[in-house]
């Protein structure tokens, strides 16, 4: 399931000004996986987007990718 972590990192690093501060932590459960995303303070707005649209789009992509593997995912953006 590590490929989803790589996918999240790839998408987020393309959006932010400081890609070296992007950190994705994977917490696996039985049927779901939680991804905790940390970015630099100045990049938080870019990842969330207007009215949360960018964050919602990222969540949609990883949800679709995880469904192929029969898993559920949760993306938490940590400040």
N, C-alpha and C. Protein backbone atom coordinates (compact mmCIF):
# COMPACT_ATOMS: atom_id res chain seq x y z
N UNK A 1 0.83 -1.20 0.00
CA UNK A 1 0.00 0.00 0.00
C UNK A 1 0.87 1.25 0.00
N UNK A 2 2.16 1.05 -0.01
CA UNK A 2 3.11 2.17 0.03
C UNK A 2 3.02 3.06 -1.19
N UNK A 3 2.48 2.54 -2.31
CA UNK A 3 2.39 3.35 -3.53
C UNK A 3 1.44 4.54 -3.36
N UNK A 4 0.45 4.42 -2.47
CA UNK A 4 -0.43 5.56 -2.21
C UNK A 4 0.33 6.68 -1.50
N UNK A 5 1.21 6.30 -0.60
CA UNK A 5 2.05 7.29 0.10
C UNK A 5 2.92 8.03 -0.91
N UNK A 6 3.49 7.30 -1.86
CA UNK A 6 4.31 7.90 -2.91
C UNK A 6 3.47 8.82 -3.78
N UNK A 7 2.25 8.40 -4.09
CA UNK A 7 1.34 9.20 -4.90
C UNK A 7 1.01 10.53 -4.21
N UNK A 8 0.70 10.47 -2.91
CA UNK A 8 0.39 11.68 -2.15
C UNK A 8 1.60 12.62 -2.15
N UNK A 9 2.78 12.08 -1.87
CA UNK A 9 4.00 12.90 -1.86
C UNK A 9 4.22 13.55 -3.22
N UNK A 10 4.04 12.80 -4.28
CA UNK A 10 4.26 13.31 -5.63
C UNK A 10 3.32 14.49 -5.94
N UNK A 11 2.04 14.32 -5.63
CA UNK A 11 1.04 15.36 -5.91
C UNK A 11 1.34 16.61 -5.08
N UNK A 12 1.57 16.43 -3.79
CA UNK A 12 1.75 17.57 -2.89
C UNK A 12 3.05 18.31 -3.19
N UNK A 13 4.13 17.57 -3.48
CA UNK A 13 5.41 18.23 -3.78
C UNK A 13 5.31 19.09 -5.04
N UNK A 14 4.43 18.72 -5.96
CA UNK A 14 4.25 19.52 -7.17
C UNK A 14 3.49 20.81 -6.88
N UNK A 15 2.75 20.85 -5.79
CA UNK A 15 1.93 22.02 -5.46
C UNK A 15 2.65 23.07 -4.61
N UNK A 16 3.58 22.64 -3.77
CA UNK A 16 4.15 23.53 -2.75
C UNK A 16 5.45 24.19 -3.20
N UNK A 17 5.83 25.26 -2.47
CA UNK A 17 7.10 25.95 -2.73
C UNK A 17 8.28 25.26 -2.06
N UNK A 18 8.03 24.58 -0.95
CA UNK A 18 9.09 23.89 -0.19
C UNK A 18 8.85 22.38 -0.16
N UNK A 19 9.15 21.68 -1.27
CA UNK A 19 8.87 20.24 -1.31
C UNK A 19 9.66 19.43 -0.28
N UNK A 20 10.77 19.96 0.19
CA UNK A 20 11.57 19.23 1.18
C UNK A 20 10.88 19.15 2.55
N UNK A 21 9.87 19.99 2.77
CA UNK A 21 9.15 19.98 4.05
C UNK A 21 7.91 19.08 4.02
N UNK A 22 7.65 18.45 2.89
CA UNK A 22 6.49 17.56 2.77
C UNK A 22 6.80 16.25 3.48
N UNK A 23 5.89 15.86 4.35
CA UNK A 23 6.07 14.63 5.13
C UNK A 23 4.75 13.88 5.17
N UNK A 24 4.77 12.61 4.78
CA UNK A 24 3.56 11.79 4.79
C UNK A 24 3.81 10.60 5.71
N UNK A 25 2.92 10.45 6.69
CA UNK A 25 3.02 9.34 7.63
C UNK A 25 1.84 8.41 7.40
N UNK A 26 2.12 7.12 7.33
CA UNK A 26 1.10 6.11 7.03
C UNK A 26 0.76 5.33 8.30
N UNK A 27 -0.53 5.29 8.65
CA UNK A 27 -0.99 4.53 9.81
C UNK A 27 -1.99 3.51 9.29
N UNK A 28 -1.60 2.25 9.30
CA UNK A 28 -2.43 1.20 8.70
C UNK A 28 -3.32 0.54 9.74
N UNK A 29 -4.59 0.37 9.36
CA UNK A 29 -5.53 -0.40 10.16
C UNK A 29 -5.90 -1.64 9.39
N UNK A 30 -6.96 -2.34 9.84
CA UNK A 30 -7.36 -3.56 9.14
C UNK A 30 -7.95 -3.29 7.77
N UNK A 31 -8.92 -2.35 7.72
CA UNK A 31 -9.58 -2.08 6.45
C UNK A 31 -9.36 -0.66 5.95
N UNK A 32 -8.72 0.16 6.75
CA UNK A 32 -8.48 1.53 6.31
C UNK A 32 -7.07 1.97 6.64
N UNK A 33 -6.63 2.97 5.93
CA UNK A 33 -5.29 3.52 6.14
C UNK A 33 -5.42 5.03 6.30
N UNK A 34 -4.77 5.55 7.32
CA UNK A 34 -4.78 6.99 7.56
C UNK A 34 -3.44 7.54 7.10
N UNK A 35 -3.49 8.60 6.32
CA UNK A 35 -2.28 9.29 5.90
C UNK A 35 -2.27 10.67 6.55
N UNK A 36 -1.21 10.95 7.30
CA UNK A 36 -1.06 12.27 7.91
C UNK A 36 -0.08 13.06 7.06
N UNK A 37 -0.52 14.20 6.58
CA UNK A 37 0.28 15.04 5.69
C UNK A 37 0.71 16.30 6.42
N UNK A 38 2.02 16.53 6.44
CA UNK A 38 2.56 17.76 7.01
C UNK A 38 3.31 18.50 5.92
N UNK A 39 3.07 19.81 5.83
CA UNK A 39 3.80 20.66 4.87
C UNK A 39 4.31 21.88 5.62
N UNK A 40 5.15 22.66 4.97
CA UNK A 40 5.63 23.90 5.56
C UNK A 40 4.46 24.84 5.82
N UNK A 41 4.59 25.67 6.85
CA UNK A 41 3.51 26.56 7.27
C UNK A 41 3.01 27.44 6.12
N UNK A 42 3.93 27.95 5.31
CA UNK A 42 3.54 28.85 4.22
C UNK A 42 2.87 28.10 3.06
N UNK A 43 3.00 26.78 3.02
CA UNK A 43 2.42 25.98 1.93
C UNK A 43 1.07 25.38 2.27
N UNK A 44 0.62 25.56 3.50
CA UNK A 44 -0.63 24.95 3.94
C UNK A 44 -1.82 25.38 3.08
N UNK A 45 -1.89 26.65 2.76
CA UNK A 45 -2.97 27.18 1.94
C UNK A 45 -2.99 26.60 0.54
N UNK A 46 -1.82 26.33 -0.01
CA UNK A 46 -1.74 25.76 -1.37
C UNK A 46 -2.27 24.33 -1.39
N UNK A 47 -2.03 23.59 -0.32
CA UNK A 47 -2.47 22.20 -0.26
C UNK A 47 -3.98 22.13 -0.01
N UNK A 48 -4.49 23.03 0.81
CA UNK A 48 -5.92 23.04 1.11
C UNK A 48 -6.71 23.65 -0.05
N UNK A 49 -6.25 24.77 -0.58
CA UNK A 49 -6.91 25.40 -1.72
C UNK A 49 -8.12 26.21 -1.30
N UNK A 50 -8.69 26.91 -2.26
CA UNK A 50 -9.89 27.72 -2.00
C UNK A 50 -11.04 26.82 -1.61
N UNK A 51 -11.63 27.11 -0.46
CA UNK A 51 -12.75 26.35 0.08
C UNK A 51 -12.44 24.85 0.17
N UNK A 52 -11.16 24.50 0.30
CA UNK A 52 -10.76 23.11 0.46
C UNK A 52 -10.82 22.28 -0.80
N UNK A 53 -10.90 22.94 -1.95
CA UNK A 53 -11.05 22.20 -3.22
C UNK A 53 -9.83 21.34 -3.55
N UNK A 54 -8.62 21.86 -3.34
CA UNK A 54 -7.42 21.10 -3.66
C UNK A 54 -7.31 19.87 -2.77
N UNK A 55 -7.55 20.04 -1.47
CA UNK A 55 -7.51 18.92 -0.53
C UNK A 55 -8.56 17.87 -0.91
N UNK A 56 -9.73 18.32 -1.30
CA UNK A 56 -10.80 17.40 -1.69
C UNK A 56 -10.40 16.61 -2.94
N UNK A 57 -9.75 17.28 -3.89
CA UNK A 57 -9.30 16.61 -5.11
C UNK A 57 -8.25 15.55 -4.80
N UNK A 58 -7.31 15.87 -3.92
CA UNK A 58 -6.28 14.90 -3.53
C UNK A 58 -6.94 13.69 -2.87
N UNK A 59 -7.90 13.96 -1.98
CA UNK A 59 -8.60 12.86 -1.29
C UNK A 59 -9.35 11.98 -2.29
N UNK A 60 -9.96 12.60 -3.30
CA UNK A 60 -10.70 11.84 -4.31
C UNK A 60 -9.76 10.91 -5.07
N UNK A 61 -8.60 11.41 -5.43
CA UNK A 61 -7.62 10.60 -6.18
C UNK A 61 -7.15 9.41 -5.36
N UNK A 62 -6.78 9.64 -4.09
CA UNK A 62 -6.27 8.51 -3.30
C UNK A 62 -7.39 7.53 -2.93
N UNK A 63 -8.61 8.03 -2.78
CA UNK A 63 -9.75 7.14 -2.50
C UNK A 63 -9.98 6.21 -3.69
N UNK A 64 -9.94 6.78 -4.89
CA UNK A 64 -10.14 5.97 -6.10
C UNK A 64 -9.03 4.93 -6.25
N UNK A 65 -7.79 5.33 -5.98
CA UNK A 65 -6.66 4.40 -6.09
C UNK A 65 -6.76 3.29 -5.05
N UNK A 66 -7.21 3.62 -3.85
CA UNK A 66 -7.32 2.64 -2.77
C UNK A 66 -8.46 1.66 -3.00
N UNK A 67 -9.53 2.12 -3.64
CA UNK A 67 -10.69 1.25 -3.90
C UNK A 67 -10.31 0.06 -4.77
N UNK A 68 -9.36 0.26 -5.67
CA UNK A 68 -8.91 -0.84 -6.52
C UNK A 68 -8.30 -1.96 -5.69
N UNK A 69 -7.78 -1.58 -4.50
CA UNK A 69 -7.14 -2.56 -3.62
C UNK A 69 -8.06 -2.97 -2.47
N UNK A 70 -9.29 -2.50 -2.51
CA UNK A 70 -10.26 -2.88 -1.49
C UNK A 70 -10.02 -2.25 -0.13
N UNK A 71 -9.39 -1.10 -0.10
CA UNK A 71 -9.09 -0.41 1.16
C UNK A 71 -9.81 0.93 1.20
N UNK A 72 -9.92 1.50 2.40
CA UNK A 72 -10.43 2.86 2.59
C UNK A 72 -9.28 3.71 3.06
N UNK A 73 -9.26 4.96 2.63
CA UNK A 73 -8.19 5.86 3.05
C UNK A 73 -8.77 7.13 3.65
N UNK A 74 -7.97 7.71 4.53
CA UNK A 74 -8.29 9.00 5.14
C UNK A 74 -7.04 9.85 5.02
N UNK A 75 -7.19 11.05 4.50
CA UNK A 75 -6.06 11.98 4.43
C UNK A 75 -6.29 13.10 5.42
N UNK A 76 -5.40 13.19 6.40
CA UNK A 76 -5.46 14.27 7.38
C UNK A 76 -4.33 15.24 7.11
N UNK A 77 -4.68 16.50 6.98
CA UNK A 77 -3.67 17.53 6.78
C UNK A 77 -3.38 18.17 8.13
N UNK A 78 -2.16 17.98 8.61
CA UNK A 78 -1.78 18.41 9.95
C UNK A 78 -1.08 19.77 9.86
N UNK A 79 -1.49 20.67 10.74
CA UNK A 79 -0.88 22.01 10.75
C UNK A 79 0.38 21.99 11.58
